[in-house]
């Protein structure tokens, strides 16, 4: 495979890992971007889903994961088919 395929696959893998951390490991991602945890009153009441940043990170993270898989997978399969 040509070198640009490996480069795009590596970029796709980075997007997948970043998207996974955004969607499913939000505590570590919040620390990385410097955003505080939700207030303790929400955590005690079991309402941590009311934080708007939670939804934003979930949606954007899943979108990044799917885009990384799609761009890397399509380019790789296209080059393997030739």
PDB file of N, CA and C in Angstrom:
ATOM      1  N   UNK A   1       0.844  -1.187   0.000  1.00  0.00           N
ATOM      2  CA  UNK A   1       0.000   0.000   0.000  1.00  0.00           C
ATOM      3  C   UNK A   1       0.881   1.239   0.000  1.00  0.00           C
ATOM      4  N   UNK A   2       0.417   2.267  -0.675  1.00  0.00           N
ATOM      5  CA  UNK A   2       1.178   3.521  -0.703  1.00  0.00           C
ATOM      6  C   UNK A   2       1.256   4.177   0.676  1.00  0.00           C
ATOM      7  N   UNK A   3       2.192   5.066   0.808  1.00  0.00           N
ATOM      8  CA  UNK A   3       2.421   5.734   2.079  1.00  0.00           C
ATOM      9  C   UNK A   3       1.264   6.619   2.528  1.00  0.00           C
ATOM     10  N   UNK A   4       0.558   7.229   1.570  1.00  0.00           N
ATOM     11  CA  UNK A   4      -0.546   8.102   1.965  1.00  0.00           C
ATOM     12  C   UNK A   4      -1.697   7.313   2.582  1.00  0.00           C
ATOM     13  N   UNK A   5      -1.824   6.042   2.224  1.00  0.00           N
ATOM     14  CA  UNK A   5      -2.869   5.211   2.837  1.00  0.00           C
ATOM     15  C   UNK A   5      -2.545   4.992   4.310  1.00  0.00           C
ATOM     16  N   UNK A   6      -1.276   4.715   4.608  1.00  0.00           N
ATOM     17  CA  UNK A   6      -0.879   4.542   6.006  1.00  0.00           C
ATOM     18  C   UNK A   6      -1.069   5.834   6.789  1.00  0.00           C
ATOM     19  N   UNK A   7      -0.789   6.965   6.142  1.00  0.00           N
ATOM     20  CA  UNK A   7      -0.949   8.256   6.799  1.00  0.00           C
ATOM     21  C   UNK A   7      -2.423   8.541   7.120  1.00  0.00           C
ATOM     22  N   UNK A   8      -3.294   8.286   6.173  1.00  0.00           N
ATOM     23  CA  UNK A   8      -4.723   8.504   6.399  1.00  0.00           C
ATOM     24  C   UNK A   8      -5.254   7.506   7.427  1.00  0.00           C
ATOM     25  N   UNK A   9      -4.777   6.271   7.392  1.00  0.00           N
ATOM     26  CA  UNK A   9      -5.190   5.288   8.403  1.00  0.00           C
ATOM     27  C   UNK A   9      -4.749   5.717   9.805  1.00  0.00           C
ATOM     28  N   UNK A  10      -3.556   6.248   9.912  1.00  0.00           N
ATOM     29  CA  UNK A  10      -3.073   6.736  11.204  1.00  0.00           C
ATOM     30  C   UNK A  10      -3.923   7.911  11.682  1.00  0.00           C
ATOM     31  N   UNK A  11      -4.264   8.820  10.777  1.00  0.00           N
ATOM     32  CA  UNK A  11      -5.132   9.944  11.114  1.00  0.00           C
ATOM     33  C   UNK A  11      -6.514   9.452  11.548  1.00  0.00           C
ATOM     34  N   UNK A  12      -7.043   8.460  10.843  1.00  0.00           N
ATOM     35  CA  UNK A  12      -8.327   7.876  11.215  1.00  0.00           C
ATOM     36  C   UNK A  12      -8.269   7.227  12.583  1.00  0.00           C
ATOM     37  N   UNK A  13      -7.171   6.552  12.891  1.00  0.00           N
ATOM     38  CA  UNK A  13      -7.007   5.936  14.204  1.00  0.00           C
ATOM     39  C   UNK A  13      -6.951   6.997  15.307  1.00  0.00           C
ATOM     40  N   UNK A  14      -6.267   8.097  15.034  1.00  0.00           N
ATOM     41  CA  UNK A  14      -6.237   9.203  16.006  1.00  0.00           C
ATOM     42  C   UNK A  14      -7.635   9.761  16.250  1.00  0.00           C
ATOM     43  N   UNK A  15      -8.416   9.907  15.183  1.00  0.00           N
ATOM     44  CA  UNK A  15      -9.783  10.392  15.340  1.00  0.00           C
ATOM     45  C   UNK A  15     -10.630   9.416  16.146  1.00  0.00           C
ATOM     46  N   UNK A  16     -10.447   8.126  15.910  1.00  0.00           N
ATOM     47  CA  UNK A  16     -11.206   7.114  16.652  1.00  0.00           C
ATOM     48  C   UNK A  16     -10.854   7.168  18.133  1.00  0.00           C
ATOM     49  N   UNK A  17      -9.580   7.236  18.447  1.00  0.00           N
ATOM     50  CA  UNK A  17      -9.168   7.278  19.848  1.00  0.00           C
ATOM     51  C   UNK A  17      -9.628   8.569  20.538  1.00  0.00           C
ATOM     52  N   UNK A  18      -9.509   9.684  19.853  1.00  0.00           N
ATOM     53  CA  UNK A  18      -9.957  10.951  20.417  1.00  0.00           C
ATOM     54  C   UNK A  18     -11.470  10.946  20.614  1.00  0.00           C
ATOM     55  N   UNK A  19     -12.199  10.440  19.635  1.00  0.00           N
ATOM     56  CA  UNK A  19     -13.648  10.371  19.744  1.00  0.00           C
ATOM     57  C   UNK A  19     -14.098   9.436  20.855  1.00  0.00           C
ATOM     58  N   UNK A  20     -13.404   8.311  21.019  1.00  0.00           N
ATOM     59  CA  UNK A  20     -13.742   7.386  22.104  1.00  0.00           C
ATOM     60  C   UNK A  20     -13.555   8.052  23.461  1.00  0.00           C
ATOM     61  N   UNK A  21     -12.451   8.761  23.614  1.00  0.00           N
ATOM     62  CA  UNK A  21     -12.213   9.456  24.884  1.00  0.00           C
ATOM     63  C   UNK A  21     -13.234  10.562  25.123  1.00  0.00           C
ATOM     64  N   UNK A  22     -13.639  11.244  24.075  1.00  0.00           N
ATOM     65  CA  UNK A  22     -14.650  12.286  24.237  1.00  0.00           C
ATOM     66  C   UNK A  22     -15.996  11.696  24.645  1.00  0.00           C
ATOM     67  N   UNK A  23     -16.369  10.586  24.044  1.00  0.00           N
ATOM     68  CA  UNK A  23     -17.702  10.037  24.266  1.00  0.00           C
ATOM     69  C   UNK A  23     -17.804   9.212  25.543  1.00  0.00           C
ATOM     70  N   UNK A  24     -16.787   8.416  25.834  1.00  0.00           N
ATOM     71  CA  UNK A  24     -16.932   7.430  26.899  1.00  0.00           C
ATOM     72  C   UNK A  24     -16.010   7.618  28.094  1.00  0.00           C
ATOM     73  N   UNK A  25     -14.998   8.443  27.972  1.00  0.00           N
ATOM     74  CA  UNK A  25     -14.093   8.718  29.092  1.00  0.00           C
ATOM     75  C   UNK A  25     -14.080  10.225  29.330  1.00  0.00           C
ATOM     76  N   UNK A  26     -15.234  10.733  29.697  1.00  0.00           N
ATOM     77  CA  UNK A  26     -15.402  12.174  29.755  1.00  0.00           C
ATOM     78  C   UNK A  26     -14.627  12.829  30.885  1.00  0.00           C
ATOM     79  N   UNK A  27     -14.416  12.141  31.976  1.00  0.00           N
ATOM     80  CA  UNK A  27     -13.684  12.752  33.090  1.00  0.00           C
ATOM     81  C   UNK A  27     -12.253  13.091  32.669  1.00  0.00           C
ATOM     82  N   UNK A  28     -11.601  12.169  31.975  1.00  0.00           N
ATOM     83  CA  UNK A  28     -10.224  12.442  31.545  1.00  0.00           C
ATOM     84  C   UNK A  28     -10.192  13.498  30.444  1.00  0.00           C
ATOM     85  N   UNK A  29     -11.182  13.490  29.575  1.00  0.00           N
ATOM     86  CA  UNK A  29     -11.201  14.489  28.507  1.00  0.00           C
ATOM     87  C   UNK A  29     -11.502  15.874  29.054  1.00  0.00           C
ATOM     88  N   UNK A  30     -12.375  15.960  30.055  1.00  0.00           N
ATOM     89  CA  UNK A  30     -12.660  17.254  30.673  1.00  0.00           C
ATOM     90  C   UNK A  30     -11.404  17.829  31.317  1.00  0.00           C
ATOM     91  N   UNK A  31     -10.605  16.972  31.973  1.00  0.00           N
ATOM     92  CA  UNK A  31      -9.347  17.451  32.558  1.00  0.00           C
ATOM     93  C   UNK A  31      -8.406  17.942  31.465  1.00  0.00           C
ATOM     94  N   UNK A  32      -8.379  17.249  30.336  1.00  0.00           N
ATOM     95  CA  UNK A  32      -7.468  17.616  29.252  1.00  0.00           C
ATOM     96  C   UNK A  32      -7.819  18.972  28.645  1.00  0.00           C
ATOM     97  N   UNK A  33      -9.118  19.290  28.562  1.00  0.00           N
ATOM     98  CA  UNK A  33      -9.503  20.572  27.981  1.00  0.00           C
ATOM     99  C   UNK A  33      -9.687  21.655  29.036  1.00  0.00           C
ATOM    100  N   UNK A  34      -9.479  21.303  30.307  1.00  0.00           N
ATOM    101  CA  UNK A  34      -9.528  22.284  31.376  1.00  0.00           C
ATOM    102  C   UNK A  34     -10.927  22.650  31.841  1.00  0.00           C
ATOM    103  N   UNK A  35     -11.882  21.782  31.596  1.00  0.00           N
ATOM    104  CA  UNK A  35     -13.250  22.046  32.060  1.00  0.00           C
ATOM    105  C   UNK A  35     -13.468  21.323  33.381  1.00  0.00           C
ATOM    106  N   UNK A  36     -14.157  21.950  34.307  1.00  0.00           N
ATOM    107  CA  UNK A  36     -14.385  21.304  35.612  1.00  0.00           C
ATOM    108  C   UNK A  36     -15.416  20.181  35.510  1.00  0.00           C
ATOM    109  N   UNK A  37     -15.402  19.328  36.526  1.00  0.00           N
ATOM    110  CA  UNK A  37     -16.421  18.295  36.623  1.00  0.00           C
ATOM    111  C   UNK A  37     -17.767  18.949  36.912  1.00  0.00           C
ATOM    112  N   UNK A  38     -18.861  18.234  36.655  1.00  0.00           N
ATOM    113  CA  UNK A  38     -20.167  18.796  37.022  1.00  0.00           C
ATOM    114  C   UNK A  38     -20.236  19.023  38.531  1.00  0.00           C
ATOM    115  N   UNK A  39     -21.067  19.945  38.987  1.00  0.00           N
ATOM    116  CA  UNK A  39     -21.184  20.196  40.424  1.00  0.00           C
ATOM    117  C   UNK A  39     -21.562  18.932  41.188  1.00  0.00           C
ATOM    118  N   UNK A  40     -21.077  18.832  42.422  1.00  0.00           N
ATOM    119  CA  UNK A  40     -21.305  17.629  43.227  1.00  0.00           C
ATOM    120  C   UNK A  40     -22.786  17.418  43.523  1.00  0.00           C
ATOM    121  N   UNK A  41     -23.577  18.474  43.551  1.00  0.00           N
ATOM    122  CA  UNK A  41     -25.007  18.315  43.825  1.00  0.00           C
ATOM    123  C   UNK A  41     -25.686  17.517  42.724  1.00  0.00           C
ATOM    124  N   UNK A  42     -25.243  17.681  41.499  1.00  0.00           N
ATOM    125  CA  UNK A  42     -25.810  16.898  40.398  1.00  0.00           C
ATOM    126  C   UNK A  42     -25.364  15.447  40.471  1.00  0.00           C
ATOM    127  N   UNK A  43     -24.117  15.232  40.874  1.00  0.00           N
ATOM    128  CA  UNK A  43     -23.621  13.863  40.956  1.00  0.00           C
ATOM    129  C   UNK A  43     -24.321  13.090  42.069  1.00  0.00           C
ATOM    130  N   UNK A  44     -24.572  13.751  43.208  1.00  0.00           N
ATOM    131  CA  UNK A  44     -25.247  13.073  44.315  1.00  0.00           C
ATOM    132  C   UNK A  44     -26.671  12.702  43.960  1.00  0.00           C
ATOM    133  N   UNK A  45     -27.329  13.545  43.217  1.00  0.00           N
ATOM    134  CA  UNK A  45     -28.717  13.292  42.870  1.00  0.00           C
ATOM    135  C   UNK A  45     -28.837  12.308  41.710  1.00  0.00           C
ATOM    136  N   UNK A  46     -27.712  11.930  41.107  1.00  0.00           N
ATOM    137  CA  UNK A  46     -27.739  11.010  39.976  1.00  0.00           C
ATOM    138  C   UNK A  46     -28.144  11.679  38.681  1.00  0.00           C
ATOM    139  N   UNK A  47     -27.995  12.999  38.615  1.00  0.00           N
ATOM    140  CA  UNK A  47     -28.400  13.750  37.429  1.00  0.00           C
ATOM    141  C   UNK A  47     -27.201  14.287  36.668  1.00  0.00           C
ATOM    142  N   UNK A  48     -26.164  13.517  36.541  1.00  0.00           N
ATOM    143  CA  UNK A  48     -24.993  14.031  35.838  1.00  0.00           C
ATOM    144  C   UNK A  48     -25.276  14.207  34.355  1.00  0.00           C
ATOM    145  N   UNK A  49     -26.343  13.592  33.853  1.00  0.00           N
ATOM    146  CA  UNK A  49     -26.680  13.751  32.443  1.00  0.00           C
ATOM    147  C   UNK A  49     -27.289  15.110  32.137  1.00  0.00           C
ATOM    148  N   UNK A  50     -27.589  15.916  33.135  1.00  0.00           N
ATOM    149  CA  UNK A  50     -28.163  17.227  32.899  1.00  0.00           C
ATOM    150  C   UNK A  50     -27.110  18.256  32.495  1.00  0.00           C
ATOM    151  N   UNK A  51     -25.848  17.918  32.600  1.00  0.00           N
ATOM    152  CA  UNK A  51     -24.788  18.833  32.202  1.00  0.00           C
ATOM    153  C   UNK A  51     -24.738  18.891  30.670  1.00  0.00           C
ATOM    154  N   UNK A  52     -24.889  20.079  30.070  1.00  0.00           N
ATOM    155  CA  UNK A  52     -24.906  20.164  28.606  1.00  0.00           C
ATOM    156  C   UNK A  52     -23.610  19.678  27.963  1.00  0.00           C
ATOM    157  N   UNK A  53     -22.491  19.876  28.630  1.00  0.00           N
ATOM    158  CA  UNK A  53     -21.218  19.440  28.065  1.00  0.00           C
ATOM    159  C   UNK A  53     -21.168  17.926  27.904  1.00  0.00           C
ATOM    160  N   UNK A  54     -21.884  17.204  28.758  1.00  0.00           N
ATOM    161  CA  UNK A  54     -21.931  15.750  28.641  1.00  0.00           C
ATOM    162  C   UNK A  54     -22.505  15.337  27.297  1.00  0.00           C
ATOM    163  N   UNK A  55     -23.614  15.945  26.920  1.00  0.00           N
ATOM    164  CA  UNK A  55     -24.243  15.610  25.645  1.00  0.00           C
ATOM    165  C   UNK A  55     -23.383  16.035  24.470  1.00  0.00           C
ATOM    166  N   UNK A  56     -22.775  17.189  24.565  1.00  0.00           N
ATOM    167  CA  UNK A  56     -21.924  17.676  23.486  1.00  0.00           C
ATOM    168  C   UNK A  56     -20.752  16.729  23.265  1.00  0.00           C
ATOM    169  N   UNK A  57     -20.118  16.300  24.353  1.00  0.00           N
ATOM    170  CA  UNK A  57     -18.985  15.393  24.227  1.00  0.00           C
ATOM    171  C   UNK A  57     -19.405  14.038  23.688  1.00  0.00           C
ATOM    172  N   UNK A  58     -20.564  13.543  24.098  1.00  0.00           N
ATOM    173  CA  UNK A  58     -21.035  12.247  23.584  1.00  0.00           C
ATOM    174  C   UNK A  58     -21.297  12.309  22.091  1.00  0.00           C
ATOM    175  N   UNK A  59     -22.034  13.312  21.663  1.00  0.00           N
ATOM    176  CA  UNK A  59     -22.390  13.408  20.249  1.00  0.00           C
ATOM    177  C   UNK A  59     -21.154  13.645  19.391  1.00  0.00           C
ATOM    178  N   UNK A  60     -20.327  14.609  19.770  1.00  0.00           N
ATOM    179  CA  UNK A  60     -19.126  14.910  18.983  1.00  0.00           C
ATOM    180  C   UNK A  60     -18.152  13.744  18.987  1.00  0.00           C
ATOM    181  N   UNK A  61     -18.031  13.052  20.123  1.00  0.00           N
ATOM    182  CA  UNK A  61     -17.119  11.915  20.194  1.00  0.00           C
ATOM    183  C   UNK A  61     -17.533  10.778  19.291  1.00  0.00           C
ATOM    184  N   UNK A  62     -18.807  10.444  19.286  1.00  0.00           N
ATOM    185  CA  UNK A  62     -19.279   9.367  18.411  1.00  0.00           C
ATOM    186  C   UNK A  62     -19.141   9.768  16.945  1.00  0.00           C
ATOM    187  N   UNK A  63     -19.414  11.036  16.634  1.00  0.00           N
ATOM    188  CA  UNK A  63     -19.254  11.494  15.255  1.00  0.00           C
ATOM    189  C   UNK A  63     -17.798  11.410  14.801  1.00  0.00           C
ATOM    190  N   UNK A  64     -16.872  11.760  15.683  1.00  0.00           N
ATOM    191  CA  UNK A  64     -15.449  11.669  15.326  1.00  0.00           C
ATOM    192  C   UNK A  64     -15.024  10.215  15.144  1.00  0.00           C
ATOM    193  N   UNK A  65     -15.523   9.339  16.014  1.00  0.00           N
ATOM    194  CA  UNK A  65     -15.183   7.922  15.878  1.00  0.00           C
ATOM    195  C   UNK A  65     -15.666   7.372  14.535  1.00  0.00           C
ATOM    196  N   UNK A  66     -16.891   7.654  14.182  1.00  0.00           N
ATOM    197  CA  UNK A  66     -17.456   7.144  12.928  1.00  0.00           C
ATOM    198  C   UNK A  66     -16.723   7.740  11.732  1.00  0.00           C
ATOM    199  N   UNK A  67     -16.386   9.021  11.789  1.00  0.00           N
ATOM    200  CA  UNK A  67     -15.660   9.634  10.684  1.00  0.00           C
ATOM    201  C   UNK A  67     -14.274   9.008  10.529  1.00  0.00           C
ATOM    202  N   UNK A  68     -13.584   8.765  11.637  1.00  0.00           N
ATOM    203  CA  UNK A  68     -12.267   8.134  11.564  1.00  0.00           C
ATOM    204  C   UNK A  68     -12.335   6.736  10.977  1.00  0.00           C
ATOM    205  N   UNK A  69     -13.334   5.957  11.391  1.00  0.00           N
ATOM    206  CA  UNK A  69     -13.497   4.610  10.844  1.00  0.00           C
ATOM    207  C   UNK A  69     -13.843   4.674   9.363  1.00  0.00           C
ATOM    208  N   UNK A  70     -14.737   5.581   8.997  1.00  0.00           N
ATOM    209  CA  UNK A  70     -15.177   5.677   7.605  1.00  0.00           C
ATOM    210  C   UNK A  70     -14.047   6.123   6.682  1.00  0.00           C
ATOM    211  N   UNK A  71     -13.329   7.168   7.066  1.00  0.00           N
ATOM    212  CA  UNK A  71     -12.297   7.683   6.159  1.00  0.00           C
ATOM    213  C   UNK A  71     -11.135   6.683   6.024  1.00  0.00           C
ATOM    214  N   UNK A  72     -10.732   6.099   7.149  1.00  0.00           N
ATOM    215  CA  UNK A  72      -9.646   5.126   7.077  1.00  0.00           C
ATOM    216  C   UNK A  72     -10.069   3.844   6.382  1.00  0.00           C
ATOM    217  N   UNK A  73     -11.252   3.372   6.704  1.00  0.00           N
ATOM    218  CA  UNK A  73     -11.733   2.123   6.101  1.00  0.00           C
ATOM    219  C   UNK A  73     -11.993   2.245   4.619  1.00  0.00           C
ATOM    220  N   UNK A  74     -12.619   3.337   4.200  1.00  0.00           N
ATOM    221  CA  UNK A  74     -12.926   3.476   2.767  1.00  0.00           C
ATOM    222  C   UNK A  74     -11.662   3.616   1.935  1.00  0.00           C
ATOM    223  N   UNK A  75     -10.709   4.407   2.391  1.00  0.00           N
ATOM    224  CA  UNK A  75      -9.487   4.579   1.610  1.00  0.00           C
ATOM    225  C   UNK A  75      -8.695   3.271   1.552  1.00  0.00           C
ATOM    226  N   UNK A  76      -8.634   2.559   2.658  1.00  0.00           N
ATOM    227  CA  UNK A  76      -7.905   1.294   2.680  1.00  0.00           C
ATOM    228  C   UNK A  76      -8.572   0.264   1.776  1.00  0.00           C
ATOM    229  N   UNK A  77      -9.883   0.128   1.885  1.00  0.00           N
ATOM    230  CA  UNK A  77     -10.588  -0.841   1.033  1.00  0.00           C
ATOM    231  C   UNK A  77     -10.511  -0.461  -0.432  1.00  0.00           C
ATOM    232  N   UNK A  78     -10.559   0.808  -0.747  1.00  0.00           N
ATOM    233  CA  UNK A  78     -10.431   1.248  -2.127  1.00  0.00           C
ATOM    234  C   UNK A  78      -9.070   0.875  -2.697  1.00  0.00           C
ATOM    235  N   UNK A  79      -8.015   1.060  -1.909  1.00  0.00           N
ATOM    236  CA  UNK A  79      -6.672   0.728  -2.394  1.00  0.00           C
ATOM    237  C   UNK A  79      -6.437  -0.772  -2.443  1.00  0.00           C
ATOM    238  N   UNK A  80      -7.063  -1.546  -1.576  1.00  0.00           N
ATOM    239  CA  UNK A  80      -6.921  -2.998  -1.619  1.00  0.00           C
ATOM    240  C   UNK A  80      -7.687  -3.595  -2.797  1.00  0.00           C
ATOM    241  N   UNK A  81      -8.725  -2.918  -3.256  1.00  0.00           N
ATOM    242  CA  UNK A  81      -9.533  -3.433  -4.366  1.00  0.00           C
ATOM    243  C   UNK A  81      -8.835  -3.279  -5.706  1.00  0.00           C
ATOM    244  N   UNK A  82      -7.856  -2.411  -5.790  1.00  0.00           N
ATOM    245  CA  UNK A  82      -7.178  -2.207  -7.077  1.00  0.00           C
ATOM    246  C   UNK A  82      -6.237  -3.318  -7.390  1.00  0.00           C
TER     247      UNK A  82
END
